Amino acid sequence: TTACIGAGSTYLVTNVGGVSYNWDPGVGGSVVGSGNSVTLTWSTIGSKTITVTPFNSCGNGPARTFNVTVSGVPAQP
């Protein structure tokens, strides 16, 4: 998927009852919210990898990753 620098983009995974989610956008990303749906805002451009790890009282489930390409704001004509 693609995103623009400075703009918030919403990402989600399927919600499973009794499970919480840890979102890690890596360098240049900040997370707003929690649960199975969050908004990420990017402060740097380039290829990014988002990792989401489900967990509950029994421990962590398998982490999943997906890639995002963050673009800069186009120059004004």
PDB file of N, CA and C in Angstrom:
ATOM      1  N   THR A   1       0.841  -1.174   0.000  1.00  0.00           N
ATOM      2  CA  THR A   1       0.000   0.000   0.000  1.00  0.00           C
ATOM      3  C   THR A   1       0.891   1.243   0.000  1.00  0.00           C
ATOM      4  N   THR A   2       0.283   2.398  -0.200  1.00  0.00           N
ATOM      5  CA  THR A   2       1.034   3.646  -0.218  1.00  0.00           C
ATOM      6  C   THR A   2       0.425   4.629   0.776  1.00  0.00           C
ATOM      7  N   ALA A   3       1.235   5.585   1.217  1.00  0.00           N
ATOM      8  CA  ALA A   3       0.790   6.623   2.146  1.00  0.00           C
ATOM      9  C   ALA A   3       1.584   7.887   1.836  1.00  0.00           C
ATOM     10  N   CYS A   4       1.093   9.015   2.325  1.00  0.00           N
ATOM     11  CA  CYS A   4       1.787  10.295   2.164  1.00  0.00           C
ATOM     12  C   CYS A   4       2.398  10.721   3.494  1.00  0.00           C
ATOM     13  N   ILE A   5       3.567  11.301   3.418  1.00  0.00           N
ATOM     14  CA  ILE A   5       4.234  11.782   4.614  1.00  0.00           C
ATOM     15  C   ILE A   5       3.349  12.812   5.318  1.00  0.00           C
ATOM     16  N   GLY A   6       3.256  12.715   6.644  1.00  0.00           N
ATOM     17  CA  GLY A   6       2.480  13.659   7.433  1.00  0.00           C
ATOM     18  C   GLY A   6       0.992  13.400   7.488  1.00  0.00           C
ATOM     19  N   ALA A   7       0.484  12.510   6.648  1.00  0.00           N
ATOM     20  CA  ALA A   7      -0.950  12.223   6.638  1.00  0.00           C
ATOM     21  C   ALA A   7      -1.220  10.930   7.394  1.00  0.00           C
ATOM     22  N   GLY A   8      -2.286  10.900   8.159  1.00  0.00           N
ATOM     23  CA  GLY A   8      -2.657   9.693   8.887  1.00  0.00           C
ATOM     24  C   GLY A   8      -3.344   8.690   7.977  1.00  0.00           C
ATOM     25  N   SER A   9      -2.957   7.439   8.109  1.00  0.00           N
ATOM     26  CA  SER A   9      -3.578   6.354   7.352  1.00  0.00           C
ATOM     27  C   SER A   9      -4.036   5.294   8.335  1.00  0.00           C
ATOM     28  N   THR A  10      -5.222   4.740   8.113  1.00  0.00           N
ATOM     29  CA  THR A  10      -5.765   3.729   9.012  1.00  0.00           C
ATOM     30  C   THR A  10      -5.421   2.336   8.502  1.00  0.00           C
ATOM     31  N   TYR A  11      -4.979   1.482   9.439  1.00  0.00           N
ATOM     32  CA  TYR A  11      -4.632   0.097   9.138  1.00  0.00           C
ATOM     33  C   TYR A  11      -5.396  -0.792  10.107  1.00  0.00           C
ATOM     34  N   LEU A  12      -5.826  -1.960   9.641  1.00  0.00           N
ATOM     35  CA  LEU A  12      -6.562  -2.850  10.521  1.00  0.00           C
ATOM     36  C   LEU A  12      -6.305  -4.303  10.184  1.00  0.00           C
ATOM     37  N   VAL A  13      -6.512  -5.128  11.201  1.00  0.00           N
ATOM     38  CA  VAL A  13      -6.480  -6.572  11.060  1.00  0.00           C
ATOM     39  C   VAL A  13      -7.798  -7.105  11.607  1.00  0.00           C
ATOM     40  N   THR A  14      -8.125  -8.331  11.294  1.00  0.00           N
ATOM     41  CA  THR A  14      -9.353  -8.937  11.784  1.00  0.00           C
ATOM     42  C   THR A  14      -9.360  -8.964  13.306  1.00  0.00           C
ATOM     43  N   ASN A  15     -10.459  -8.528  13.895  1.00  0.00           N
ATOM     44  CA  ASN A  15     -10.572  -8.521  15.349  1.00  0.00           C
ATOM     45  C   ASN A  15     -10.922  -9.919  15.845  1.00  0.00           C
ATOM     46  N   VAL A  16     -10.201 -10.391  16.857  1.00  0.00           N
ATOM     47  CA  VAL A  16     -10.465 -11.675  17.492  1.00  0.00           C
ATOM     48  C   VAL A  16     -10.767 -11.390  18.958  1.00  0.00           C
ATOM     49  N   GLY A  17     -11.883 -11.888  19.458  1.00  0.00           N
ATOM     50  CA  GLY A  17     -12.274 -11.650  20.842  1.00  0.00           C
ATOM     51  C   GLY A  17     -11.208 -12.114  21.831  1.00  0.00           C
ATOM     52  N   GLY A  18     -10.949 -11.309  22.857  1.00  0.00           N
ATOM     53  CA  GLY A  18      -9.986 -11.665  23.887  1.00  0.00           C
ATOM     54  C   GLY A  18      -8.534 -11.465  23.498  1.00  0.00           C
ATOM     55  N   VAL A  19      -8.307 -10.876  22.322  1.00  0.00           N
ATOM     56  CA  VAL A  19      -6.942 -10.663  21.827  1.00  0.00           C
ATOM     57  C   VAL A  19      -6.671  -9.165  21.732  1.00  0.00           C
ATOM     58  N   SER A  20      -5.480  -8.757  22.147  1.00  0.00           N
ATOM     59  CA  SER A  20      -5.007  -7.386  21.975  1.00  0.00           C
ATOM     60  C   SER A  20      -3.934  -7.391  20.901  1.00  0.00           C
ATOM     61  N   TYR A  21      -3.559  -6.208  20.420  1.00  0.00           N
ATOM     62  CA  TYR A  21      -2.618  -6.130  19.306  1.00  0.00           C
ATOM     63  C   TYR A  21      -1.541  -5.099  19.594  1.00  0.00           C
ATOM     64  N   ASN A  22      -0.298  -5.461  19.289  1.00  0.00           N
ATOM     65  CA  ASN A  22       0.829  -4.545  19.409  1.00  0.00           C
ATOM     66  C   ASN A  22       1.264  -4.147  17.997  1.00  0.00           C
ATOM     67  N   TRP A  23       1.180  -2.858  17.682  1.00  0.00           N
ATOM     68  CA  TRP A  23       1.545  -2.329  16.368  1.00  0.00           C
ATOM     69  C   TRP A  23       2.928  -1.699  16.434  1.00  0.00           C
ATOM     70  N   ASP A  24       3.795  -2.056  15.513  1.00  0.00           N
ATOM     71  CA  ASP A  24       5.144  -1.482  15.430  1.00  0.00           C
ATOM     72  C   ASP A  24       5.376  -0.981  14.010  1.00  0.00           C
ATOM     73  N   PRO A  25       5.313   0.346  13.798  1.00  0.00           N
ATOM     74  CA  PRO A  25       5.517   0.882  12.453  1.00  0.00           C
ATOM     75  C   PRO A  25       6.986   1.059  12.089  1.00  0.00           C
ATOM     76  N   GLY A  26       7.875   0.828  13.044  1.00  0.00           N
ATOM     77  CA  GLY A  26       9.295   1.025  12.765  1.00  0.00           C
ATOM     78  C   GLY A  26       9.658   2.501  12.768  1.00  0.00           C
ATOM     79  N   VAL A  27      10.840   2.795  12.240  1.00  0.00           N
ATOM     80  CA  VAL A  27      11.374   4.159  12.230  1.00  0.00           C
ATOM     81  C   VAL A  27      10.524   5.062  11.336  1.00  0.00           C
ATOM     82  N   GLY A  28      10.163   6.218  11.866  1.00  0.00           N
ATOM     83  CA  GLY A  28       9.435   7.205  11.079  1.00  0.00           C
ATOM     84  C   GLY A  28       7.933   7.105  11.162  1.00  0.00           C
ATOM     85  N   GLY A  29       7.416   6.167  11.944  1.00  0.00           N
ATOM     86  CA  GLY A  29       5.975   6.022  12.072  1.00  0.00           C
ATOM     87  C   GLY A  29       5.526   6.199  13.506  1.00  0.00           C
ATOM     88  N   SER A  30       4.340   6.769  13.685  1.00  0.00           N
ATOM     89  CA  SER A  30       3.779   6.886  15.028  1.00  0.00           C
ATOM     90  C   SER A  30       2.350   6.353  15.008  1.00  0.00           C
ATOM     91  N   VAL A  31       1.991   5.654  16.087  1.00  0.00           N
ATOM     92  CA  VAL A  31       0.699   4.980  16.194  1.00  0.00           C
ATOM     93  C   VAL A  31      -0.258   5.824  17.024  1.00  0.00           C
ATOM     94  N   VAL A  32      -1.471   5.991  16.521  1.00  0.00           N
ATOM     95  CA  VAL A  32      -2.543   6.628  17.270  1.00  0.00           C
ATOM     96  C   VAL A  32      -3.655   5.595  17.391  1.00  0.00           C
ATOM     97  N   GLY A  33      -4.043   5.302  18.623  1.00  0.00           N
ATOM     98  CA  GLY A  33      -5.094   4.324  18.860  1.00  0.00           C
ATOM     99  C   GLY A  33      -4.522   2.989  19.306  1.00  0.00           C
ATOM    100  N   SER A  34      -5.419   2.029  19.465  1.00  0.00           N
ATOM    101  CA  SER A  34      -5.029   0.681  19.862  1.00  0.00           C
ATOM    102  C   SER A  34      -6.097  -0.286  19.383  1.00  0.00           C
ATOM    103  N   GLY A  35      -5.859  -1.542  19.605  1.00  0.00           N
ATOM    104  CA  GLY A  35      -6.812  -2.549  19.162  1.00  0.00           C
ATOM    105  C   GLY A  35      -6.471  -3.044  17.770  1.00  0.00           C
ATOM    106  N   ASN A  36      -7.479  -3.550  17.082  1.00  0.00           N
ATOM    107  CA  ASN A  36      -7.224  -4.127  15.761  1.00  0.00           C
ATOM    108  C   ASN A  36      -7.187  -3.080  14.646  1.00  0.00           C
ATOM    109  N   SER A  37      -7.504  -1.811  14.976  1.00  0.00           N
ATOM    110  CA  SER A  37      -7.488  -0.733  13.985  1.00  0.00           C
ATOM    111  C   SER A  37      -6.773   0.481  14.573  1.00  0.00           C
ATOM    112  N   VAL A  38      -5.745   0.959  13.877  1.00  0.00           N
ATOM    113  CA  VAL A  38      -4.982   2.119  14.339  1.00  0.00           C
ATOM    114  C   VAL A  38      -4.740   3.071  13.181  1.00  0.00           C
ATOM    115  N   THR A  39      -4.376   4.290  13.513  1.00  0.00           N
ATOM    116  CA  THR A  39      -3.955   5.262  12.509  1.00  0.00           C
ATOM    117  C   THR A  39      -2.461   5.468  12.664  1.00  0.00           C
ATOM    118  N   LEU A  40      -1.734   5.386  11.562  1.00  0.00           N
ATOM    119  CA  LEU A  40      -0.294   5.617  11.560  1.00  0.00           C
ATOM    120  C   LEU A  40      -0.006   6.890  10.795  1.00  0.00           C
ATOM    121  N   THR A  41       0.887   7.706  11.353  1.00  0.00           N
ATOM    122  CA  THR A  41       1.350   8.919  10.698  1.00  0.00           C
ATOM    123  C   THR A  41       2.832   8.765  10.444  1.00  0.00           C
ATOM    124  N   TRP A  42       3.267   9.110   9.247  1.00  0.00           N
ATOM    125  CA  TRP A  42       4.653   8.911   8.832  1.00  0.00           C
ATOM    126  C   TRP A  42       5.404  10.228   8.798  1.00  0.00           C
ATOM    127  N   SER A  43       6.623  10.241   9.360  1.00  0.00           N
ATOM    128  CA  SER A  43       7.449  11.452   9.368  1.00  0.00           C
ATOM    129  C   SER A  43       8.648  11.344   8.431  1.00  0.00           C
ATOM    130  N   THR A  44       8.827  10.184   7.802  1.00  0.00           N
ATOM    131  CA  THR A  44       9.912   9.995   6.829  1.00  0.00           C
ATOM    132  C   THR A  44       9.368   9.272   5.606  1.00  0.00           C
ATOM    133  N   ILE A  45      10.018   9.497   4.460  1.00  0.00           N
ATOM    134  CA  ILE A  45       9.585   8.830   3.229  1.00  0.00           C
ATOM    135  C   ILE A  45      10.401   7.557   3.018  1.00  0.00           C
ATOM    136  N   GLY A  46       9.896   6.699   2.135  1.00  0.00           N
ATOM    137  CA  GLY A  46      10.607   5.471   1.785  1.00  0.00           C
ATOM    138  C   GLY A  46       9.763   4.235   2.049  1.00  0.00           C
ATOM    139  N   SER A  47      10.410   3.068   1.939  1.00  0.00           N
ATOM    140  CA  SER A  47       9.747   1.788   2.178  1.00  0.00           C
ATOM    141  C   SER A  47       9.717   1.504   3.672  1.00  0.00           C
ATOM    142  N   LYS A  48       8.566   1.143   4.178  1.00  0.00           N
ATOM    143  CA  LYS A  48       8.358   0.872   5.598  1.00  0.00           C
ATOM    144  C   LYS A  48       7.773  -0.525   5.770  1.00  0.00           C
ATOM    145  N   THR A  49       8.034  -1.132   6.914  1.00  0.00           N
ATOM    146  CA  THR A  49       7.439  -2.413   7.260  1.00  0.00           C
ATOM    147  C   THR A  49       6.702  -2.255   8.579  1.00  0.00           C
ATOM    148  N   ILE A  50       5.414  -2.534   8.565  1.00  0.00           N
ATOM    149  CA  ILE A  50       4.585  -2.489   9.760  1.00  0.00           C
ATOM    150  C   ILE A  50       4.471  -3.909  10.303  1.00  0.00           C
ATOM    151  N   THR A  51       4.677  -4.072  11.593  1.00  0.00           N
ATOM    152  CA  THR A  51       4.523  -5.374  12.234  1.00  0.00           C
ATOM    153  C   THR A  51       3.407  -5.285  13.256  1.00  0.00           C
ATOM    154  N   VAL A  52       2.483  -6.240  13.214  1.00  0.00           N
ATOM    155  CA  VAL A  52       1.415  -6.310  14.211  1.00  0.00           C
ATOM    156  C   VAL A  52       1.476  -7.695  14.857  1.00  0.00           C
ATOM    157  N   THR A  53       1.493  -7.693  16.204  1.00  0.00           N
ATOM    158  CA  THR A  53       1.600  -8.936  16.961  1.00  0.00           C
ATOM    159  C   THR A  53       0.389  -9.078  17.872  1.00  0.00           C
ATOM    160  N   PRO A  54      -0.391 -10.171  17.715  1.00  0.00           N
ATOM    161  CA  PRO A  54      -1.516 -10.393  18.615  1.00  0.00           C
ATOM    162  C   PRO A  54      -1.017 -11.000  19.927  1.00  0.00           C
ATOM    163  N   PHE A  55      -1.704 -10.676  21.026  1.00  0.00           N
ATOM    164  CA  PHE A  55      -1.327 -11.287  22.302  1.00  0.00           C
ATOM    165  C   PHE A  55      -2.535 -11.359  23.235  1.00  0.00           C
ATOM    166  N   ASN A  56      -2.455 -12.290  24.160  1.00  0.00           N
ATOM    167  CA  ASN A  56      -3.438 -12.398  25.238  1.00  0.00           C
ATOM    168  C   ASN A  56      -2.737 -12.958  26.465  1.00  0.00           C
ATOM    169  N   SER A  57      -3.472 -13.431  27.456  1.00  0.00           N
ATOM    170  CA  SER A  57      -2.868 -13.902  28.703  1.00  0.00           C
ATOM    171  C   SER A  57      -2.006 -15.148  28.508  1.00  0.00           C
ATOM    172  N   CYS A  58      -2.158 -15.826  27.406  1.00  0.00           N
ATOM    173  CA  CYS A  58      -1.346 -17.022  27.113  1.00  0.00           C
ATOM    174  C   CYS A  58      -0.032 -16.678  26.424  1.00  0.00           C
ATOM    175  N   GLY A  59       0.133 -15.435  25.973  1.00  0.00           N
ATOM    176  CA  GLY A  59       1.370 -15.023  25.312  1.00  0.00           C
ATOM    177  C   GLY A  59       1.117 -14.407  23.950  1.00  0.00           C
ATOM    178  N   ASN A  60       2.186 -14.313  23.171  1.00  0.00           N
ATOM    179  CA  ASN A  60       2.118 -13.709  21.835  1.00  0.00           C
ATOM    180  C   ASN A  60       1.732 -14.732  20.782  1.00  0.00           C
ATOM    181  N   GLY A  61       0.967 -14.274  19.801  1.00  0.00           N
ATOM    182  CA  GLY A  61       0.692 -15.072  18.621  1.00  0.00           C
ATOM    183  C   GLY A  61       1.732 -14.726  17.559  1.00  0.00           C
ATOM    184  N   PRO A  62       1.641 -15.333  16.380  1.00  0.00           N
ATOM    185  CA  PRO A  62       2.604 -15.040  15.326  1.00  0.00           C
ATOM    186  C   PRO A  62       2.438 -13.615  14.786  1.00  0.00           C
ATOM    187  N   ALA A  63       3.555 -12.916  14.671  1.00  0.00           N
ATOM    188  CA  ALA A  63       3.552 -11.551  14.127  1.00  0.00           C
ATOM    189  C   ALA A  63       3.298 -11.595  12.623  1.00  0.00           C
ATOM    190  N   ARG A  64       2.659 -10.578  12.125  1.00  0.00           N
ATOM    191  CA  ARG A  64       2.423 -10.410  10.691  1.00  0.00           C
ATOM    192  C   ARG A  64       2.999  -9.071  10.280  1.00  0.00           C
ATOM    193  N   THR A  65       3.510  -9.004   9.066  1.00  0.00           N
ATOM    194  CA  THR A  65       4.073  -7.758   8.560  1.00  0.00           C
ATOM    195  C   THR A  65       3.443  -7.397   7.226  1.00  0.00           C
ATOM    196  N   PHE A  66       3.442  -6.116   6.931  1.00  0.00           N
ATOM    197  CA  PHE A  66       3.078  -5.664   5.589  1.00  0.00           C
ATOM    198  C   PHE A  66       3.853  -4.409   5.271  1.00  0.00           C
ATOM    199  N   ASN A  67       4.040  -4.170   3.991  1.00  0.00           N
ATOM    200  CA  ASN A  67       4.885  -3.077   3.516  1.00  0.00           C
ATOM    201  C   ASN A  67       4.058  -1.879   3.078  1.00  0.00           C
ATOM    202  N   VAL A  68       4.622  -0.708   3.331  1.00  0.00           N
ATOM    203  CA  VAL A  68       4.010   0.558   2.944  1.00  0.00           C
ATOM    204  C   VAL A  68       5.096   1.413   2.297  1.00  0.00           C
ATOM    205  N   THR A  69       4.769   2.068   1.201  1.00  0.00           N
ATOM    206  CA  THR A  69       5.672   3.029   0.590  1.00  0.00           C
ATOM    207  C   THR A  69       5.156   4.423   0.900  1.00  0.00           C
ATOM    208  N   VAL A  70       5.971   5.193   1.619  1.00  0.00           N
ATOM    209  CA  VAL A  70       5.583   6.547   2.018  1.00  0.00           C
ATOM    210  C   VAL A  70       6.213   7.533   1.034  1.00  0.00           C
ATOM    211  N   SER A  71       5.366   8.365   0.439  1.00  0.00           N
ATOM    212  CA  SER A  71       5.813   9.352  -0.546  1.00  0.00           C
ATOM    213  C   SER A  71       5.813  10.748   0.050  1.00  0.00           C
ATOM    214  N   GLY A  72       6.639  11.607  -0.518  1.00  0.00           N
ATOM    215  CA  GLY A  72       6.679  13.004  -0.114  1.00  0.00           C
ATOM    216  C   GLY A  72       5.557  13.789  -0.746  1.00  0.00           C
ATOM    217  N   VAL A  73       5.405  15.001  -0.311  1.00  0.00           N
ATOM    218  CA  VAL A  73       4.396  15.897  -0.865  1.00  0.00           C
ATOM    219  C   VAL A  73       4.934  16.436  -2.195  1.00  0.00           C
ATOM    220  N   PRO A  74       4.151  16.374  -3.277  1.00  0.00           N
ATOM    221  CA  PRO A  74       4.631  16.875  -4.556  1.00  0.00           C
ATOM    222  C   PRO A  74       4.871  18.388  -4.520  1.00  0.00           C
ATOM    223  N   ALA A  75       5.811  18.836  -5.310  1.00  0.00           N
ATOM    224  CA  ALA A  75       6.112  20.276  -5.397  1.00  0.00           C
ATOM    225  C   ALA A  75       4.924  20.996  -6.038  1.00  0.00           C
ATOM    226  N   GLN A  76       4.688  22.237  -5.599  1.00  0.00           N
ATOM    227  CA  GLN A  76       3.618  23.028  -6.198  1.00  0.00           C
ATOM    228  C   GLN A  76       4.075  23.566  -7.546  1.00  0.00           C
ATOM    229  N   PRO A  77       3.180  23.586  -8.523  1.00  0.00           N
ATOM    230  CA  PRO A  77       3.553  24.098  -9.854  1.00  0.00           C
ATOM    231  C   PRO A  77       3.786  25.603  -9.839  1.00  0.00           C
TER     232      PRO A  77
END
